[in-house]
Amino acid sequence: MNLHRKSSASMRAGQRMVADPHISKFYDPPALSLDERGMILDCSKSFENLFGFRRTDLVWHHVSGLLPQLKDVKLVHAGEVNRLLNFLCHCGYLFQAQNQQGDNITTHLSFVRIETEGRHSLRLIMQPSLEQRHDSFFEDSHFFA
């Protein structure tokens, strides 16, 4: 068996997968890069397309401008993603995000804490939902203190 030939074939298959427009969307989910205080550092191209914002419209604005439910939420506590927020994300809680026109988009969130060269940040990945649901859980913001 020629391992070089097999690895080359695998690489070509991987290149075809990346070239497939349906699969390539998987590699660019609607996402924001945030500092630990919730300030937007960057956004993905698919986020720009979905929400109608340009990157320059968002950088150094607080994430609560897009996700009002996060207004008084401390995203990081004791060096970790807020445990209750992380729990809600894992349970499928639906958040309301606002696009550039002010319309609400119901979305699932996922937070990932990233450390690069000693600097900490968060990656907030959004998955829009077709389901519309209103929960009043965030009306009691003391849960996140």
Protein backbone atom coordinates (compact mmCIF):
# COMPACT_ATOMS: atom_id res chain seq x y z
CA MET A 1 0.00 0.00 0.00
CA ASN A 2 1.35 3.42 -0.95
CA LEU A 3 0.65 5.80 1.95
CA HIS A 4 1.68 8.86 -0.06
CA ARG A 5 -0.90 8.11 -2.73
CA LYS A 6 -3.60 7.58 -0.10
CA SER A 7 -2.83 10.85 1.69
CA SER A 8 -2.82 12.74 -1.62
CA ALA A 9 -6.22 11.28 -2.47
CA SER A 10 -7.52 12.28 0.97
CA MET A 11 -6.21 15.81 0.47
CA ARG A 12 -7.92 16.09 -2.91
CA ALA A 13 -11.19 14.87 -1.35
CA GLY A 14 -10.81 17.47 1.39
CA GLN A 15 -10.26 20.19 -1.18
CA ARG A 16 -13.44 19.18 -2.98
CA MET A 17 -15.34 19.37 0.31
CA VAL A 18 -14.09 22.90 0.96
CA ALA A 19 -14.99 23.93 -2.58
CA ASP A 20 -18.60 22.77 -2.07
CA PRO A 21 -20.55 25.98 -1.25
CA HIS A 22 -22.92 24.13 1.12
CA ILE A 23 -20.10 22.75 3.21
CA SER A 24 -17.98 25.88 3.12
CA LYS A 25 -20.75 27.73 4.99
CA PHE A 26 -20.03 25.38 7.86
CA TYR A 27 -16.56 26.84 8.16
CA ASP A 28 -17.85 30.41 8.48
CA PRO A 29 -20.73 30.43 10.95
CA PRO A 30 -22.26 33.74 12.00
CA ALA A 31 -19.88 34.64 14.80
CA LEU A 32 -18.43 37.51 16.79
CA SER A 33 -15.08 37.83 18.52
CA LEU A 34 -15.48 39.59 21.86
CA ASP A 35 -13.19 40.73 24.61
CA GLU A 36 -14.07 39.55 28.10
CA ARG A 37 -16.11 42.72 28.76
CA GLY A 38 -18.35 42.02 25.74
CA MET A 39 -16.83 44.55 23.35
CA ILE A 40 -16.90 43.36 19.73
CA LEU A 41 -13.45 42.83 18.24
CA ASP A 42 -14.41 41.25 14.92
CA CYS A 43 -17.18 39.42 13.07
CA SER A 44 -17.38 36.72 10.43
CA LYS A 45 -18.44 37.45 6.87
CA SER A 46 -21.54 35.30 7.32
CA PHE A 47 -22.48 37.41 10.36
CA GLU A 48 -22.24 40.54 8.19
CA ASN A 49 -24.46 38.91 5.56
CA LEU A 50 -27.07 37.62 8.01
CA PHE A 51 -27.39 40.76 10.15
CA GLY A 52 -26.69 43.44 7.54
CA PHE A 53 -23.84 45.08 9.45
CA ARG A 54 -20.33 45.79 8.24
CA ARG A 55 -17.43 44.90 10.48
CA THR A 56 -16.61 48.59 10.88
CA ASP A 57 -20.16 49.22 12.22
CA LEU A 58 -19.62 46.77 15.08
CA VAL A 59 -16.03 46.94 16.30
CA TRP A 60 -15.69 48.36 19.83
CA HIS A 61 -19.46 48.34 20.42
CA HIS A 62 -20.88 46.20 23.21
CA VAL A 63 -22.54 42.92 22.22
CA SER A 64 -25.71 43.99 24.08
CA GLY A 65 -26.40 46.36 21.17
CA LEU A 66 -27.13 43.22 19.12
CA LEU A 67 -28.31 40.96 21.94
CA PRO A 68 -30.24 43.13 24.43
CA GLN A 69 -30.69 40.16 26.78
CA LEU A 70 -26.94 40.36 27.52
CA LYS A 71 -27.09 44.00 28.65
CA ASP A 72 -26.22 43.47 32.31
CA VAL A 73 -24.65 40.04 31.98
CA LYS A 74 -21.05 39.54 33.03
CA LEU A 75 -19.80 37.20 30.28
CA VAL A 76 -16.72 35.96 32.13
CA HIS A 77 -16.59 35.15 35.84
CA ALA A 78 -13.49 33.81 37.62
CA GLY A 79 -11.76 33.20 34.30
CA GLU A 80 -14.59 31.12 32.80
CA VAL A 81 -17.60 31.81 30.62
CA ASN A 82 -20.49 32.73 32.94
CA ARG A 83 -21.76 29.33 34.07
CA LEU A 84 -25.46 30.12 33.93
CA LEU A 85 -25.12 31.73 30.51
CA ASN A 86 -23.14 28.74 29.29
CA PHE A 87 -25.79 26.40 30.74
CA LEU A 88 -28.59 28.25 28.95
CA CYS A 89 -26.68 28.08 25.67
CA HIS A 90 -26.20 24.32 26.05
CA CYS A 91 -29.88 23.83 26.92
CA GLY A 92 -31.03 25.45 23.70
CA TYR A 93 -32.31 28.71 25.18
CA LEU A 94 -33.36 31.05 22.37
CA PHE A 95 -31.94 34.58 22.37
CA GLN A 96 -33.21 37.58 20.44
CA ALA A 97 -30.62 39.30 18.26
CA GLN A 98 -31.33 42.49 16.34
CA ASN A 99 -30.22 43.01 12.76
CA GLN A 100 -29.32 46.36 11.25
CA GLN A 101 -32.97 47.12 10.42
CA GLY A 102 -33.98 46.50 14.05
CA ASP A 103 -35.75 43.21 13.29
CA ASN A 104 -35.40 40.40 15.81
CA ILE A 105 -33.68 37.19 14.82
CA THR A 106 -34.20 34.24 17.15
CA THR A 107 -30.91 32.43 17.62
CA HIS A 108 -29.06 29.85 19.65
CA LEU A 109 -25.73 31.00 21.07
CA SER A 110 -22.51 29.24 21.87
CA PHE A 111 -19.57 30.83 23.70
CA VAL A 112 -16.00 29.61 23.40
CA ARG A 113 -13.20 31.10 25.49
CA ILE A 114 -9.99 31.56 23.51
CA GLU A 115 -6.48 32.26 24.70
CA THR A 116 -3.92 33.49 22.17
CA GLU A 117 -0.45 34.62 23.19
CA GLY A 118 -1.61 35.21 26.77
CA ARG A 119 -4.63 37.28 25.71
CA HIS A 120 -8.16 36.08 26.45
CA SER A 121 -11.20 36.59 24.25
CA LEU A 122 -14.53 34.95 23.46
CA ARG A 123 -15.97 33.59 20.25
CA LEU A 124 -19.74 33.94 20.14
CA ILE A 125 -21.24 31.64 17.53
CA MET A 126 -24.86 32.12 16.49
CA GLN A 127 -27.23 29.60 14.99
CA PRO A 128 -30.45 31.25 13.80
CA SER A 129 -33.59 29.31 14.70
CA LEU A 130 -36.87 29.03 12.87
CA GLU A 131 -38.60 28.69 16.24
CA GLN A 132 -40.03 31.81 17.86
CA ARG A 133 -40.23 31.73 21.64
CA HIS A 134 -40.22 34.40 24.30
CA ASP A 135 -38.80 33.60 27.69
CA SER A 136 -38.82 36.05 30.56
CA PHE A 137 -35.81 34.46 32.27
CA PHE A 138 -33.60 37.47 31.59
CA GLU A 139 -36.03 39.88 33.18
CA ASP A 140 -34.48 38.80 36.49
CA SER A 141 -30.93 39.91 35.74
CA HIS A 142 -29.78 39.08 39.26
CA PHE A 143 -29.20 35.52 37.99
CA PHE A 144 -26.06 36.78 36.26
CA ALA A 145 -24.57 38.92 39.02
